[in-house]
Amino acid sequence: MITKDKVSEFFCIADDFCKEFEVEMSKNALPASKDTPKRKRKCMMSDSEVITILICFHFNSYRNFKHYYL
């Protein structure tokens, strides 16, 4: 079983990674064109929250993600 402290630690590490990843991607990504369609709605969860959920899923013994998430 993963403790709340470990989940917080995973989140902090994932959040630091996402911040550094965004900086590096902005340096190396192709420029956006004006013709590309854009999403108009905001994301509900941050990337670091999604990564934290996936890390916790892989540390547990569930066979599929649906049973873990429910």
PDB file of N, CA and C in Angstrom:
ATOM      1  N   MET A   1       0.839  -1.189   0.000  1.00  0.00           N
ATOM      2  CA  MET A   1       0.000   0.000   0.000  1.00  0.00           C
ATOM      3  C   MET A   1       0.881   1.249   0.000  1.00  0.00           C
ATOM      4  N   ILE A   2       0.518   2.191  -0.792  1.00  0.00           N
ATOM      5  CA  ILE A   2       1.275   3.431  -0.904  1.00  0.00           C
ATOM      6  C   ILE A   2       0.698   4.446   0.085  1.00  0.00           C
ATOM      7  N   THR A   3       1.563   5.074   0.862  1.00  0.00           N
ATOM      8  CA  THR A   3       1.112   6.053   1.841  1.00  0.00           C
ATOM      9  C   THR A   3       0.862   7.402   1.174  1.00  0.00           C
ATOM     10  N   LYS A   4       0.160   8.279   1.880  1.00  0.00           N
ATOM     11  CA  LYS A   4      -0.122   9.615   1.347  1.00  0.00           C
ATOM     12  C   LYS A   4       1.162  10.422   1.161  1.00  0.00           C
ATOM     13  N   ASP A   5       2.139  10.165   2.034  1.00  0.00           N
ATOM     14  CA  ASP A   5       3.419  10.861   1.894  1.00  0.00           C
ATOM     15  C   ASP A   5       4.116  10.484   0.595  1.00  0.00           C
ATOM     16  N   LYS A   6       4.050   9.194   0.243  1.00  0.00           N
ATOM     17  CA  LYS A   6       4.664   8.738  -1.007  1.00  0.00           C
ATOM     18  C   LYS A   6       3.952   9.329  -2.215  1.00  0.00           C
ATOM     19  N   VAL A   7       2.623   9.416  -2.149  1.00  0.00           N
ATOM     20  CA  VAL A   7       1.865  10.000  -3.262  1.00  0.00           C
ATOM     21  C   VAL A   7       2.256  11.466  -3.440  1.00  0.00           C
ATOM     22  N   SER A   8       2.395  12.178  -2.333  1.00  0.00           N
ATOM     23  CA  SER A   8       2.824  13.586  -2.402  1.00  0.00           C
ATOM     24  C   SER A   8       4.233  13.699  -2.991  1.00  0.00           C
ATOM     25  N   GLU A   9       5.101  12.776  -2.611  1.00  0.00           N
ATOM     26  CA  GLU A   9       6.465  12.774  -3.142  1.00  0.00           C
ATOM     27  C   GLU A   9       6.457  12.491  -4.638  1.00  0.00           C
ATOM     28  N   PHE A  10       5.648  11.510  -5.071  1.00  0.00           N
ATOM     29  CA  PHE A  10       5.527  11.210  -6.500  1.00  0.00           C
ATOM     30  C   PHE A  10       5.023  12.429  -7.262  1.00  0.00           C
ATOM     31  N   PHE A  11       4.026  13.124  -6.683  1.00  0.00           N
ATOM     32  CA  PHE A  11       3.465  14.293  -7.355  1.00  0.00           C
ATOM     33  C   PHE A  11       4.507  15.394  -7.505  1.00  0.00           C
ATOM     34  N   CYS A  12       5.284  15.644  -6.460  1.00  0.00           N
ATOM     35  CA  CYS A  12       6.306  16.701  -6.523  1.00  0.00           C
ATOM     36  C   CYS A  12       7.364  16.377  -7.578  1.00  0.00           C
ATOM     37  N   ILE A  13       7.778  15.118  -7.625  1.00  0.00           N
ATOM     38  CA  ILE A  13       8.774  14.710  -8.623  1.00  0.00           C
ATOM     39  C   ILE A  13       8.198  14.833 -10.034  1.00  0.00           C
ATOM     40  N   ALA A  14       6.951  14.380 -10.218  1.00  0.00           N
ATOM     41  CA  ALA A  14       6.312  14.462 -11.536  1.00  0.00           C
ATOM     42  C   ALA A  14       6.097  15.917 -11.946  1.00  0.00           C
ATOM     43  N   ASP A  15       5.749  16.780 -11.000  1.00  0.00           N
ATOM     44  CA  ASP A  15       5.529  18.186 -11.302  1.00  0.00           C
ATOM     45  C   ASP A  15       6.835  18.867 -11.720  1.00  0.00           C
ATOM     46  N   ASP A  16       7.917  18.572 -11.004  1.00  0.00           N
ATOM     47  CA  ASP A  16       9.226  19.120 -11.388  1.00  0.00           C
ATOM     48  C   ASP A  16       9.629  18.635 -12.780  1.00  0.00           C
ATOM     49  N   PHE A  17       9.381  17.354 -13.058  1.00  0.00           N
ATOM     50  CA  PHE A  17       9.700  16.800 -14.373  1.00  0.00           C
ATOM     51  C   PHE A  17       8.895  17.510 -15.462  1.00  0.00           C
ATOM     52  N   CYS A  18       7.592  17.706 -15.233  1.00  0.00           N
ATOM     53  CA  CYS A  18       6.745  18.337 -16.245  1.00  0.00           C
ATOM     54  C   CYS A  18       7.176  19.776 -16.528  1.00  0.00           C
ATOM     55  N   LYS A  19       7.584  20.492 -15.490  1.00  0.00           N
ATOM     56  CA  LYS A  19       8.053  21.869 -15.692  1.00  0.00           C
ATOM     57  C   LYS A  19       9.313  21.892 -16.548  1.00  0.00           C
ATOM     58  N   GLU A  20      10.269  21.024 -16.240  1.00  0.00           N
ATOM     59  CA  GLU A  20      11.498  20.956 -17.028  1.00  0.00           C
ATOM     60  C   GLU A  20      11.226  20.464 -18.451  1.00  0.00           C
ATOM     61  N   PHE A  21      10.316  19.515 -18.593  1.00  0.00           N
ATOM     62  CA  PHE A  21       9.977  18.960 -19.901  1.00  0.00           C
ATOM     63  C   PHE A  21       9.346  20.032 -20.794  1.00  0.00           C
ATOM     64  N   GLU A  22       8.460  20.852 -20.235  1.00  0.00           N
ATOM     65  CA  GLU A  22       7.832  21.917 -21.019  1.00  0.00           C
ATOM     66  C   GLU A  22       8.861  22.928 -21.511  1.00  0.00           C
ATOM     67  N   VAL A  23       9.835  23.251 -20.675  1.00  0.00           N
ATOM     68  CA  VAL A  23      10.894  24.194 -21.085  1.00  0.00           C
ATOM     69  C   VAL A  23      11.693  23.604 -22.234  1.00  0.00           C
ATOM     70  N   GLU A  24      12.092  22.340 -22.114  1.00  0.00           N
ATOM     71  CA  GLU A  24      12.873  21.698 -23.173  1.00  0.00           C
ATOM     72  C   GLU A  24      12.061  21.526 -24.450  1.00  0.00           C
ATOM     73  N   MET A  25      10.779  21.195 -24.321  1.00  0.00           N
ATOM     74  CA  MET A  25       9.941  21.025 -25.508  1.00  0.00           C
ATOM     75  C   MET A  25       9.730  22.352 -26.230  1.00  0.00           C
ATOM     76  N   SER A  26       9.605  23.429 -25.470  1.00  0.00           N
ATOM     77  CA  SER A  26       9.411  24.726 -26.124  1.00  0.00           C
ATOM     78  C   SER A  26      10.659  25.145 -26.904  1.00  0.00           C
ATOM     79  N   LYS A  27      11.824  24.697 -26.456  1.00  0.00           N
ATOM     80  CA  LYS A  27      13.063  25.001 -27.182  1.00  0.00           C
ATOM     81  C   LYS A  27      13.162  24.212 -28.478  1.00  0.00           C
ATOM     82  N   ASN A  28      12.726  22.958 -28.471  1.00  0.00           N
ATOM     83  CA  ASN A  28      12.956  22.050 -29.586  1.00  0.00           C
ATOM     84  C   ASN A  28      11.738  21.787 -30.463  1.00  0.00           C
ATOM     85  N   ALA A  29      10.576  22.292 -30.090  1.00  0.00           N
ATOM     86  CA  ALA A  29       9.359  21.997 -30.848  1.00  0.00           C
ATOM     87  C   ALA A  29       9.287  22.827 -32.124  1.00  0.00           C
ATOM     88  N   LEU A  30       8.543  22.312 -33.080  1.00  0.00           N
ATOM     89  CA  LEU A  30       8.307  23.060 -34.306  1.00  0.00           C
ATOM     90  C   LEU A  30       7.365  24.215 -34.015  1.00  0.00           C
ATOM     91  N   PRO A  31       7.507  25.318 -34.720  1.00  0.00           N
ATOM     92  CA  PRO A  31       6.589  26.438 -34.481  1.00  0.00           C
ATOM     93  C   PRO A  31       5.177  26.093 -34.941  1.00  0.00           C
ATOM     94  N   ALA A  32       4.199  26.597 -34.218  1.00  0.00           N
ATOM     95  CA  ALA A  32       2.797  26.331 -34.561  1.00  0.00           C
ATOM     96  C   ALA A  32       2.390  27.190 -35.749  1.00  0.00           C
ATOM     97  N   SER A  33       1.639  26.591 -36.656  1.00  0.00           N
ATOM     98  CA  SER A  33       1.153  27.359 -37.808  1.00  0.00           C
ATOM     99  C   SER A  33      -0.224  27.936 -37.486  1.00  0.00           C
ATOM    100  N   LYS A  34      -0.626  28.909 -38.251  1.00  0.00           N
ATOM    101  CA  LYS A  34      -1.919  29.568 -38.014  1.00  0.00           C
ATOM    102  C   LYS A  34      -3.091  28.698 -38.454  1.00  0.00           C
ATOM    103  N   ASP A  35      -2.837  27.727 -39.333  1.00  0.00           N
ATOM    104  CA  ASP A  35      -3.905  26.887 -39.868  1.00  0.00           C
ATOM    105  C   ASP A  35      -4.243  25.707 -38.964  1.00  0.00           C
ATOM    106  N   THR A  36      -3.423  25.453 -37.969  1.00  0.00           N
ATOM    107  CA  THR A  36      -3.646  24.292 -37.107  1.00  0.00           C
ATOM    108  C   THR A  36      -4.830  24.548 -36.175  1.00  0.00           C
ATOM    109  N   PRO A  37      -5.756  23.588 -36.095  1.00  0.00           N
ATOM    110  CA  PRO A  37      -6.890  23.786 -35.172  1.00  0.00           C
ATOM    111  C   PRO A  37      -6.424  23.720 -33.717  1.00  0.00           C
ATOM    112  N   LYS A  38      -7.041  24.529 -32.885  1.00  0.00           N
ATOM    113  CA  LYS A  38      -6.688  24.592 -31.468  1.00  0.00           C
ATOM    114  C   LYS A  38      -7.859  24.094 -30.628  1.00  0.00           C
ATOM    115  N   ARG A  39      -7.533  23.481 -29.487  1.00  0.00           N
ATOM    116  CA  ARG A  39      -8.583  23.098 -28.534  1.00  0.00           C
ATOM    117  C   ARG A  39      -9.035  24.339 -27.787  1.00  0.00           C
ATOM    118  N   LYS A  40     -10.322  24.429 -27.553  1.00  0.00           N
ATOM    119  CA  LYS A  40     -10.845  25.611 -26.887  1.00  0.00           C
ATOM    120  C   LYS A  40     -11.133  25.381 -25.418  1.00  0.00           C
ATOM    121  N   ARG A  41     -11.134  24.127 -24.973  1.00  0.00           N
ATOM    122  CA  ARG A  41     -11.432  23.883 -23.565  1.00  0.00           C
ATOM    123  C   ARG A  41     -10.161  23.603 -22.781  1.00  0.00           C
ATOM    124  N   LYS A  42     -10.223  23.937 -21.522  1.00  0.00           N
ATOM    125  CA  LYS A  42      -9.073  23.768 -20.653  1.00  0.00           C
ATOM    126  C   LYS A  42      -9.054  22.336 -20.118  1.00  0.00           C
ATOM    127  N   CYS A  43      -7.867  21.801 -19.886  1.00  0.00           N
ATOM    128  CA  CYS A  43      -7.733  20.457 -19.331  1.00  0.00           C
ATOM    129  C   CYS A  43      -8.237  20.438 -17.897  1.00  0.00           C
ATOM    130  N   MET A  44      -8.820  19.310 -17.501  1.00  0.00           N
ATOM    131  CA  MET A  44      -9.328  19.179 -16.137  1.00  0.00           C
ATOM    132  C   MET A  44      -8.222  18.812 -15.157  1.00  0.00           C
ATOM    133  N   MET A  45      -7.266  18.010 -15.590  1.00  0.00           N
ATOM    134  CA  MET A  45      -6.168  17.574 -14.727  1.00  0.00           C
ATOM    135  C   MET A  45      -4.849  17.989 -15.363  1.00  0.00           C
ATOM    136  N   SER A  46      -3.897  18.300 -14.507  1.00  0.00           N
ATOM    137  CA  SER A  46      -2.580  18.654 -15.018  1.00  0.00           C
ATOM    138  C   SER A  46      -1.828  17.384 -15.426  1.00  0.00           C
ATOM    139  N   ASP A  47      -0.777  17.560 -16.187  1.00  0.00           N
ATOM    140  CA  ASP A  47       0.024  16.418 -16.616  1.00  0.00           C
ATOM    141  C   ASP A  47       0.644  15.697 -15.419  1.00  0.00           C
ATOM    142  N   SER A  48       1.072  16.463 -14.421  1.00  0.00           N
ATOM    143  CA  SER A  48       1.694  15.850 -13.245  1.00  0.00           C
ATOM    144  C   SER A  48       0.692  15.031 -12.430  1.00  0.00           C
ATOM    145  N   GLU A  49      -0.580  15.431 -12.428  1.00  0.00           N
ATOM    146  CA  GLU A  49      -1.608  14.639 -11.740  1.00  0.00           C
ATOM    147  C   GLU A  49      -1.833  13.306 -12.448  1.00  0.00           C
ATOM    148  N   VAL A  50      -1.860  13.344 -13.764  1.00  0.00           N
ATOM    149  CA  VAL A  50      -2.048  12.113 -14.543  1.00  0.00           C
ATOM    150  C   VAL A  50      -0.863  11.175 -14.350  1.00  0.00           C
ATOM    151  N   ILE A  51       0.345  11.706 -14.381  1.00  0.00           N
ATOM    152  CA  ILE A  51       1.547  10.899 -14.183  1.00  0.00           C
ATOM    153  C   ILE A  51       1.543  10.272 -12.799  1.00  0.00           C
ATOM    154  N   THR A  52       1.119  11.028 -11.785  1.00  0.00           N
ATOM    155  CA  THR A  52       1.065  10.502 -10.422  1.00  0.00           C
ATOM    156  C   THR A  52       0.084   9.343 -10.314  1.00  0.00           C
ATOM    157  N   ILE A  53      -1.076   9.464 -10.937  1.00  0.00           N
ATOM    158  CA  ILE A  53      -2.063   8.375 -10.922  1.00  0.00           C
ATOM    159  C   ILE A  53      -1.485   7.140 -11.598  1.00  0.00           C
ATOM    160  N   LEU A  54      -0.797   7.312 -12.712  1.00  0.00           N
ATOM    161  CA  LEU A  54      -0.213   6.166 -13.414  1.00  0.00           C
ATOM    162  C   LEU A  54       0.902   5.504 -12.612  1.00  0.00           C
ATOM    163  N   ILE A  55       1.718   6.305 -11.932  1.00  0.00           N
ATOM    164  CA  ILE A  55       2.775   5.740 -11.092  1.00  0.00           C
ATOM    165  C   ILE A  55       2.167   4.908  -9.969  1.00  0.00           C
ATOM    166  N   CYS A  56       1.152   5.441  -9.310  1.00  0.00           N
ATOM    167  CA  CYS A  56       0.496   4.708  -8.217  1.00  0.00           C
ATOM    168  C   CYS A  56      -0.166   3.429  -8.733  1.00  0.00           C
ATOM    169  N   PHE A  57      -0.742   3.481  -9.932  1.00  0.00           N
ATOM    170  CA  PHE A  57      -1.346   2.290 -10.523  1.00  0.00           C
ATOM    171  C   PHE A  57      -0.302   1.193 -10.736  1.00  0.00           C
ATOM    172  N   HIS A  58       0.853   1.556 -11.228  1.00  0.00           N
ATOM    173  CA  HIS A  58       1.887   0.562 -11.507  1.00  0.00           C
ATOM    174  C   HIS A  58       2.514  -0.011 -10.242  1.00  0.00           C
ATOM    175  N   PHE A  59       2.458   0.721  -9.138  1.00  0.00           N
ATOM    176  CA  PHE A  59       2.981   0.195  -7.883  1.00  0.00           C
ATOM    177  C   PHE A  59       1.997  -0.735  -7.170  1.00  0.00           C
ATOM    178  N   ASN A  60       0.730  -0.700  -7.546  1.00  0.00           N
ATOM    179  CA  ASN A  60      -0.257  -1.588  -6.942  1.00  0.00           C
ATOM    180  C   ASN A  60      -0.386  -2.862  -7.757  1.00  0.00           C
ATOM    181  N   SER A  61      -1.201  -3.787  -7.282  1.00  0.00           N
ATOM    182  CA  SER A  61      -1.289  -5.100  -7.931  1.00  0.00           C
ATOM    183  C   SER A  61      -2.565  -5.278  -8.745  1.00  0.00           C
ATOM    184  N   TYR A  62      -3.161  -4.194  -9.219  1.00  0.00           N
ATOM    185  CA  TYR A  62      -4.374  -4.310 -10.027  1.00  0.00           C
ATOM    186  C   TYR A  62      -4.022  -4.802 -11.430  1.00  0.00           C
ATOM    187  N   ARG A  63      -4.981  -5.546 -12.014  1.00  0.00           N
ATOM    188  CA  ARG A  63      -4.736  -6.077 -13.357  1.00  0.00           C
ATOM    189  C   ARG A  63      -5.091  -5.074 -14.448  1.00  0.00           C
ATOM    190  N   ASN A  64      -6.092  -4.248 -14.217  1.00  0.00           N
ATOM    191  CA  ASN A  64      -6.431  -3.234 -15.215  1.00  0.00           C
ATOM    192  C   ASN A  64      -6.734  -1.892 -14.548  1.00  0.00           C
ATOM    193  N   PHE A  65      -6.700  -0.863 -15.334  1.00  0.00           N
ATOM    194  CA  PHE A  65      -6.799   0.481 -14.786  1.00  0.00           C
ATOM    195  C   PHE A  65      -8.207   0.797 -14.305  1.00  0.00           C
ATOM    196  N   LYS A  66      -9.222   0.190 -14.907  1.00  0.00           N
ATOM    197  CA  LYS A  66     -10.607   0.474 -14.508  1.00  0.00           C
ATOM    198  C   LYS A  66     -10.851   0.068 -13.063  1.00  0.00           C
ATOM    199  N   HIS A  67     -10.401  -1.107 -12.670  1.00  0.00           N
ATOM    200  CA  HIS A  67     -10.595  -1.559 -11.297  1.00  0.00           C
ATOM    201  C   HIS A  67      -9.804  -0.698 -10.314  1.00  0.00           C
ATOM    202  N   TYR A  68      -8.627  -0.258 -10.707  1.00  0.00           N
ATOM    203  CA  TYR A  68      -7.835   0.609  -9.846  1.00  0.00           C
ATOM    204  C   TYR A  68      -8.511   1.958  -9.655  1.00  0.00           C
ATOM    205  N   TYR A  69      -8.984   2.540 -10.728  1.00  0.00           N
ATOM    206  CA  TYR A  69      -9.525   3.896 -10.661  1.00  0.00           C
ATOM    207  C   TYR A  69     -10.854   3.939  -9.938  1.00  0.00           C
ATOM    208  N   LEU A  70     -11.659   2.866 -10.077  1.00  0.00           N
ATOM    209  CA  LEU A  70     -12.952   2.849  -9.383  1.00  0.00           C
ATOM    210  C   LEU A  70     -12.753   2.580  -7.920  1.00  0.00           C
TER     211      LEU A  70
END
